[in-house]
Amino acid sequence: MASLEKAREEFLQFEKRAALAEKQIKELTERVVKLEASAEGPTSHDGEYQKNLLGKLRNLRDVAEDDKNLLEQTVKERDEAIKERDALKEDKKHLEYRIQTLLRTLAEAEAKDKQV
């Protein structure tokens, strides 16, 4: 159970980071488009600024992709843990029923031994 809660917490953290990264990518992409479209501004006079900004955008995209892959892996592990938990619950239910049946049979056998 603790590992499932930990996985949920990690999932929520990755989800927040991914959303933030996607928002930043969108904002930076819009900014680059505006700067490229503008006749004035840093990109028309400063090619180094543009290269720097595009490098940052690429790095941010790579980080977002890494987070996405990690998130997908975490979701997969969480889903597997949920399936395993459900299977264990079902096994437990069957075993508890079996224990009750065996206890009842044992009690009946002991009662017959006392009668004999």
C-alpha atoms as a PDB file:
ATOM      1  CA  MET A   1       0.000   0.000   0.000  1.00  0.00           C
ATOM      2  CA  ALA A   2       2.813   2.400   0.861  1.00  0.00           C
ATOM      3  CA  SER A   3       4.430   1.828  -2.527  1.00  0.00           C
ATOM      4  CA  LEU A   4       1.126   2.561  -4.243  1.00  0.00           C
ATOM      5  CA  GLU A   5       0.797   5.832  -2.343  1.00  0.00           C
ATOM      6  CA  LYS A   6       4.402   6.679  -3.185  1.00  0.00           C
ATOM      7  CA  ALA A   7       3.733   5.937  -6.846  1.00  0.00           C
ATOM      8  CA  ARG A   8       0.659   8.163  -6.776  1.00  0.00           C
ATOM      9  CA  GLU A   9       2.665  10.991  -5.200  1.00  0.00           C
ATOM     10  CA  GLU A  10       5.432  10.613  -7.786  1.00  0.00           C
ATOM     11  CA  PHE A  11       2.842  10.498 -10.540  1.00  0.00           C
ATOM     12  CA  LEU A  12       1.314  13.766  -9.356  1.00  0.00           C
ATOM     13  CA  GLN A  13       4.738  15.418  -9.164  1.00  0.00           C
ATOM     14  CA  PHE A  14       5.667  14.272 -12.667  1.00  0.00           C
ATOM     15  CA  GLU A  15       2.312  15.407 -13.970  1.00  0.00           C
ATOM     16  CA  LYS A  16       2.840  18.889 -12.484  1.00  0.00           C
ATOM     17  CA  ARG A  17       6.356  19.106 -13.907  1.00  0.00           C
ATOM     18  CA  ALA A  18       5.178  17.973 -17.320  1.00  0.00           C
ATOM     19  CA  ALA A  19       2.373  20.542 -17.345  1.00  0.00           C
ATOM     20  CA  LEU A  20       4.778  23.292 -16.326  1.00  0.00           C
ATOM     21  CA  ALA A  21       7.296  22.244 -18.973  1.00  0.00           C
ATOM     22  CA  GLU A  22       4.624  22.177 -21.671  1.00  0.00           C
ATOM     23  CA  LYS A  23       3.453  25.649 -20.643  1.00  0.00           C
ATOM     24  CA  GLN A  24       7.003  26.993 -20.740  1.00  0.00           C
ATOM     25  CA  ILE A  25       7.626  25.416 -24.135  1.00  0.00           C
ATOM     26  CA  LYS A  26       4.478  27.001 -25.494  1.00  0.00           C
ATOM     27  CA  GLU A  27       5.365  30.434 -24.089  1.00  0.00           C
ATOM     28  CA  LEU A  28       8.936  30.295 -25.386  1.00  0.00           C
ATOM     29  CA  THR A  29       7.820  29.053 -28.791  1.00  0.00           C
ATOM     30  CA  GLU A  30       5.334  31.917 -29.076  1.00  0.00           C
ATOM     31  CA  ARG A  31       8.038  34.347 -28.047  1.00  0.00           C
ATOM     32  CA  VAL A  32      10.456  33.017 -30.670  1.00  0.00           C
ATOM     33  CA  VAL A  33       7.779  33.241 -33.359  1.00  0.00           C
ATOM     34  CA  LYS A  34       7.001  36.847 -32.406  1.00  0.00           C
ATOM     35  CA  LEU A  35      10.665  37.778 -32.353  1.00  0.00           C
ATOM     36  CA  GLU A  36      11.316  36.154 -35.716  1.00  0.00           C
ATOM     37  CA  ALA A  37       8.308  37.916 -37.247  1.00  0.00           C
ATOM     38  CA  SER A  38       9.344  41.278 -35.915  1.00  0.00           C
ATOM     39  CA  ALA A  39      11.697  43.423 -38.016  1.00  0.00           C
ATOM     40  CA  GLU A  40      13.015  44.886 -34.803  1.00  0.00           C
ATOM     41  CA  GLY A  41      13.991  43.015 -31.700  1.00  0.00           C
ATOM     42  CA  PRO A  42      16.899  40.935 -30.523  1.00  0.00           C
ATOM     43  CA  THR A  43      16.699  38.286 -33.275  1.00  0.00           C
ATOM     44  CA  SER A  44      17.143  40.740 -36.145  1.00  0.00           C
ATOM     45  CA  HIS A  45      20.298  42.221 -34.599  1.00  0.00           C
ATOM     46  CA  ASP A  46      21.626  39.475 -32.398  1.00  0.00           C
ATOM     47  CA  GLY A  47      21.999  36.029 -33.921  1.00  0.00           C
ATOM     48  CA  GLU A  48      23.673  34.808 -30.733  1.00  0.00           C
ATOM     49  CA  TYR A  49      20.545  35.635 -28.734  1.00  0.00           C
ATOM     50  CA  GLN A  50      18.448  33.576 -31.130  1.00  0.00           C
ATOM     51  CA  LYS A  51      20.833  30.630 -30.956  1.00  0.00           C
ATOM     52  CA  ASN A  52      20.821  30.832 -27.166  1.00  0.00           C
ATOM     53  CA  LEU A  53      17.032  30.983 -27.005  1.00  0.00           C
ATOM     54  CA  LEU A  54      16.624  28.111 -29.451  1.00  0.00           C
ATOM     55  CA  GLY A  55      19.121  26.082 -27.426  1.00  0.00           C
ATOM     56  CA  LYS A  56      17.091  26.711 -24.297  1.00  0.00           C
ATOM     57  CA  LEU A  57      13.928  25.683 -26.123  1.00  0.00           C
ATOM     58  CA  ARG A  58      15.546  22.457 -27.283  1.00  0.00           C
ATOM     59  CA  ASN A  59      16.777  21.708 -23.773  1.00  0.00           C
ATOM     60  CA  LEU A  60      13.332  22.374 -22.359  1.00  0.00           C
ATOM     61  CA  ARG A  61      11.789  20.119 -24.989  1.00  0.00           C
ATOM     62  CA  ASP A  62      14.250  17.346 -24.082  1.00  0.00           C
ATOM     63  CA  VAL A  63      13.458  17.715 -20.370  1.00  0.00           C
ATOM     64  CA  ALA A  64       9.736  17.610 -21.126  1.00  0.00           C
ATOM     65  CA  GLU A  65      10.225  14.472 -23.225  1.00  0.00           C
ATOM     66  CA  ASP A  66      12.225  12.820 -20.435  1.00  0.00           C
ATOM     67  CA  ASP A  67       9.518  13.714 -17.923  1.00  0.00           C
ATOM     68  CA  LYS A  68       6.866  12.354 -20.261  1.00  0.00           C
ATOM     69  CA  ASN A  69       8.729   9.048 -20.611  1.00  0.00           C
ATOM     70  CA  LEU A  70       9.219   8.830 -16.853  1.00  0.00           C
ATOM     71  CA  LEU A  71       5.542   9.637 -16.304  1.00  0.00           C
ATOM     72  CA  GLU A  72       4.470   6.915 -18.743  1.00  0.00           C
ATOM     73  CA  GLN A  73       6.714   4.405 -16.959  1.00  0.00           C
ATOM     74  CA  THR A  74       5.317   5.438 -13.560  1.00  0.00           C
ATOM     75  CA  VAL A  75       1.742   5.120 -14.819  1.00  0.00           C
ATOM     76  CA  LYS A  76       2.529   1.668 -16.206  1.00  0.00           C
ATOM     77  CA  GLU A  77       4.045   0.572 -12.892  1.00  0.00           C
ATOM     78  CA  ARG A  78       1.071   1.991 -10.985  1.00  0.00           C
ATOM     79  CA  ASP A  79      -1.394   0.138 -13.209  1.00  0.00           C
ATOM     80  CA  GLU A  80       0.535  -3.098 -12.729  1.00  0.00           C
ATOM     81  CA  ALA A  81       0.567  -2.554  -8.948  1.00  0.00           C
ATOM     82  CA  ILE A  82      -3.197  -1.996  -8.957  1.00  0.00           C
ATOM     83  CA  LYS A  83      -3.754  -5.213 -10.929  1.00  0.00           C
ATOM     84  CA  GLU A  84      -1.500  -7.116  -8.552  1.00  0.00           C
ATOM     85  CA  ARG A  85      -3.307  -5.656  -5.524  1.00  0.00           C
ATOM     86  CA  ASP A  86      -6.685  -6.671  -6.943  1.00  0.00           C
ATOM     87  CA  ALA A  87      -5.442 -10.201  -7.643  1.00  0.00           C
ATOM     88  CA  LEU A  88      -4.067 -10.452  -4.095  1.00  0.00           C
ATOM     89  CA  LYS A  89      -7.391  -9.280  -2.659  1.00  0.00           C
ATOM     90  CA  GLU A  90      -9.189 -11.975  -4.640  1.00  0.00           C
ATOM     91  CA  ASP A  91      -6.696 -14.632  -3.482  1.00  0.00           C
ATOM     92  CA  LYS A  92      -7.118 -13.476   0.104  1.00  0.00           C
ATOM     93  CA  LYS A  93     -10.894 -13.767  -0.154  1.00  0.00           C
ATOM     94  CA  HIS A  94     -10.635 -17.327  -1.479  1.00  0.00           C
ATOM     95  CA  LEU A  95      -8.122 -18.321   1.196  1.00  0.00           C
ATOM     96  CA  GLU A  96     -10.261 -16.856   3.989  1.00  0.00           C
ATOM     97  CA  TYR A  97     -13.219 -18.870   2.707  1.00  0.00           C
ATOM     98  CA  ARG A  98     -11.049 -21.983   2.617  1.00  0.00           C
ATOM     99  CA  ILE A  99      -9.864 -21.355   6.195  1.00  0.00           C
ATOM    100  CA  GLN A 100     -13.444 -20.993   7.405  1.00  0.00           C
ATOM    101  CA  THR A 101     -14.414 -24.232   5.657  1.00  0.00           C
ATOM    102  CA  LEU A 102     -11.465 -26.098   7.171  1.00  0.00           C
ATOM    103  CA  LEU A 103     -12.197 -24.715  10.645  1.00  0.00           C
ATOM    104  CA  ARG A 104     -15.817 -25.807  10.351  1.00  0.00           C
ATOM    105  CA  THR A 105     -14.756 -29.272   9.186  1.00  0.00           C
ATOM    106  CA  LEU A 106     -12.246 -29.517  12.026  1.00  0.00           C
ATOM    107  CA  ALA A 107     -14.864 -28.494  14.579  1.00  0.00           C
ATOM    108  CA  GLU A 108     -17.266 -31.116  13.223  1.00  0.00           C
ATOM    109  CA  ALA A 109     -14.573 -33.791  13.351  1.00  0.00           C
ATOM    110  CA  GLU A 110     -13.691 -32.887  16.943  1.00  0.00           C
ATOM    111  CA  ALA A 111     -17.355 -32.996  17.889  1.00  0.00           C
ATOM    112  CA  LYS A 112     -17.676 -36.509  16.408  1.00  0.00           C
ATOM    113  CA  ASP A 113     -14.536 -37.638  18.285  1.00  0.00           C
ATOM    114  CA  LYS A 114     -16.060 -36.448  21.564  1.00  0.00           C
ATOM    115  CA  GLN A 115     -19.275 -38.365  20.845  1.00  0.00           C
ATOM    116  CA  VAL A 116     -17.430 -41.604  20.212  1.00  0.00           C
END
